[in-house]
Amino acid sequence: MGWLLDPDEKTVFVYQQKQEIEVFDDPDAILPVPAFANGLQLTVKDLFAWLLD
């Protein structure tokens, strides 16, 4: 799994093996995480607030 972040558009593109690319641009959308981080719930808004501080 990989995330590509577009900070200008505050959009997250999620790449998963053998799946279509998912686009998350709703600030309240919960991002998918790898299996080892199943307990983590991170929204698009939280991610960019943390990164752009």
N, C-alpha and C. Protein backbone atom coordinates (compact mmCIF):
# COMPACT_ATOMS: atom_id res chain seq x y z
N MET A 1 0.84 -1.16 0.00
CA MET A 1 0.00 0.00 0.00
C MET A 1 0.89 1.23 0.00
N GLY A 2 0.47 2.22 -0.76
CA GLY A 2 1.19 3.48 -0.79
C GLY A 2 0.23 4.64 -0.89
N TRP A 3 0.62 5.74 -0.30
CA TRP A 3 -0.16 6.98 -0.39
C TRP A 3 0.65 7.98 -1.19
N LEU A 4 -0.02 8.69 -2.08
CA LEU A 4 0.56 9.83 -2.77
C LEU A 4 -0.24 11.03 -2.32
N LEU A 5 0.43 12.03 -1.76
CA LEU A 5 -0.24 13.19 -1.20
C LEU A 5 -0.11 14.39 -2.13
N ASP A 6 -1.21 15.08 -2.34
CA ASP A 6 -1.22 16.34 -3.08
C ASP A 6 -1.59 17.44 -2.09
N PRO A 7 -0.60 18.12 -1.51
CA PRO A 7 -0.90 19.11 -0.47
C PRO A 7 -1.66 20.33 -0.99
N ASP A 8 -1.47 20.68 -2.27
CA ASP A 8 -2.19 21.82 -2.82
C ASP A 8 -3.69 21.57 -2.87
N GLU A 9 -4.06 20.35 -3.26
CA GLU A 9 -5.47 19.99 -3.38
C GLU A 9 -6.00 19.28 -2.13
N LYS A 10 -5.09 18.99 -1.19
CA LYS A 10 -5.44 18.22 0.02
C LYS A 10 -6.17 16.93 -0.38
N THR A 11 -5.48 16.19 -1.24
CA THR A 11 -6.00 14.94 -1.77
C THR A 11 -4.99 13.83 -1.51
N VAL A 12 -5.50 12.63 -1.20
CA VAL A 12 -4.65 11.47 -0.99
C VAL A 12 -5.05 10.41 -2.02
N PHE A 13 -4.06 9.94 -2.77
CA PHE A 13 -4.25 8.86 -3.72
C PHE A 13 -3.70 7.60 -3.06
N VAL A 14 -4.52 6.56 -2.95
CA VAL A 14 -4.11 5.33 -2.28
C VAL A 14 -3.92 4.24 -3.33
N TYR A 15 -2.72 3.67 -3.32
CA TYR A 15 -2.36 2.60 -4.25
C TYR A 15 -2.26 1.30 -3.46
N GLN A 16 -3.02 0.30 -3.91
CA GLN A 16 -2.97 -1.02 -3.30
C GLN A 16 -2.77 -2.04 -4.41
N GLN A 17 -2.06 -3.10 -4.07
CA GLN A 17 -1.74 -4.13 -5.05
C GLN A 17 -3.00 -4.71 -5.69
N LYS A 18 -3.01 -4.75 -7.00
CA LYS A 18 -4.09 -5.36 -7.79
C LYS A 18 -5.45 -4.70 -7.55
N GLN A 19 -5.46 -3.40 -7.26
CA GLN A 19 -6.70 -2.66 -7.09
C GLN A 19 -6.60 -1.33 -7.82
N GLU A 20 -7.75 -0.78 -8.12
CA GLU A 20 -7.78 0.55 -8.73
C GLU A 20 -7.29 1.59 -7.72
N ILE A 21 -6.74 2.66 -8.21
CA ILE A 21 -6.30 3.76 -7.36
C ILE A 21 -7.54 4.40 -6.73
N GLU A 22 -7.49 4.63 -5.43
CA GLU A 22 -8.59 5.30 -4.72
C GLU A 22 -8.18 6.74 -4.46
N VAL A 23 -9.13 7.66 -4.59
CA VAL A 23 -8.87 9.09 -4.38
C VAL A 23 -9.70 9.54 -3.19
N PHE A 24 -9.03 10.16 -2.22
CA PHE A 24 -9.68 10.66 -1.02
C PHE A 24 -9.47 12.16 -0.95
N ASP A 25 -10.56 12.92 -1.13
CA ASP A 25 -10.47 14.37 -1.03
C ASP A 25 -11.50 14.96 -0.08
N ASP A 26 -12.37 14.13 0.46
CA ASP A 26 -13.31 14.57 1.48
C ASP A 26 -12.54 14.68 2.79
N PRO A 27 -12.53 15.86 3.43
CA PRO A 27 -11.74 16.03 4.66
C PRO A 27 -12.08 15.03 5.76
N ASP A 28 -13.30 14.54 5.80
CA ASP A 28 -13.71 13.61 6.86
C ASP A 28 -13.56 12.14 6.48
N ALA A 29 -13.06 11.86 5.29
CA ALA A 29 -12.87 10.48 4.85
C ALA A 29 -11.77 9.82 5.66
N ILE A 30 -12.02 8.60 6.11
CA ILE A 30 -11.01 7.85 6.85
C ILE A 30 -10.16 7.09 5.85
N LEU A 31 -8.87 7.28 5.96
CA LEU A 31 -7.93 6.68 5.02
C LEU A 31 -7.70 5.20 5.33
N PRO A 32 -7.58 4.38 4.30
CA PRO A 32 -7.22 2.98 4.53
C PRO A 32 -5.76 2.92 4.98
N VAL A 33 -5.47 1.94 5.83
CA VAL A 33 -4.11 1.76 6.34
C VAL A 33 -3.70 0.30 6.15
N PRO A 34 -2.39 0.03 6.19
CA PRO A 34 -1.95 -1.36 6.08
C PRO A 34 -2.38 -2.17 7.30
N ALA A 35 -2.37 -3.48 7.15
CA ALA A 35 -2.86 -4.38 8.20
C ALA A 35 -2.18 -4.15 9.54
N PHE A 36 -0.88 -3.82 9.55
CA PHE A 36 -0.18 -3.64 10.82
C PHE A 36 -0.65 -2.41 11.58
N ALA A 37 -1.40 -1.52 10.94
CA ALA A 37 -1.88 -0.29 11.58
C ALA A 37 -3.40 -0.26 11.69
N ASN A 38 -4.03 -1.44 11.75
CA ASN A 38 -5.49 -1.52 11.75
C ASN A 38 -6.17 -0.66 12.81
N GLY A 39 -5.55 -0.43 13.94
CA GLY A 39 -6.16 0.37 14.99
C GLY A 39 -6.14 1.87 14.72
N LEU A 40 -5.44 2.29 13.69
CA LEU A 40 -5.29 3.71 13.38
C LEU A 40 -6.46 4.20 12.52
N GLN A 41 -7.08 5.27 12.95
CA GLN A 41 -8.11 5.92 12.12
C GLN A 41 -7.65 7.35 11.87
N LEU A 42 -7.31 7.61 10.63
CA LEU A 42 -6.77 8.90 10.24
C LEU A 42 -7.61 9.46 9.10
N THR A 43 -8.08 10.68 9.28
CA THR A 43 -8.86 11.31 8.22
C THR A 43 -7.94 12.16 7.34
N VAL A 44 -8.43 12.51 6.18
CA VAL A 44 -7.69 13.38 5.27
C VAL A 44 -7.38 14.70 5.98
N LYS A 45 -8.36 15.25 6.66
CA LYS A 45 -8.18 16.52 7.37
C LYS A 45 -7.09 16.40 8.43
N ASP A 46 -7.12 15.33 9.23
CA ASP A 46 -6.10 15.13 10.27
C ASP A 46 -4.71 14.99 9.68
N LEU A 47 -4.60 14.24 8.59
CA LEU A 47 -3.30 14.03 7.96
C LEU A 47 -2.68 15.34 7.51
N PHE A 48 -3.45 16.16 6.79
CA PHE A 48 -2.89 17.41 6.28
C PHE A 48 -2.70 18.45 7.38
N ALA A 49 -3.50 18.43 8.40
CA ALA A 49 -3.30 19.34 9.53
C ALA A 49 -1.97 19.01 10.21
N TRP A 50 -1.69 17.73 10.35
CA TRP A 50 -0.45 17.29 10.98
C TRP A 50 0.76 17.62 10.12
N LEU A 51 0.66 17.37 8.81
CA LEU A 51 1.79 17.59 7.91
C LEU A 51 2.05 19.05 7.61
N LEU A 52 1.03 19.86 7.56
CA LEU A 52 1.19 21.25 7.12
C LEU A 52 1.32 22.23 8.27
N ASP A 53 1.43 21.74 9.49
CA ASP A 53 1.65 22.65 10.64
C ASP A 53 3.01 23.24 10.62
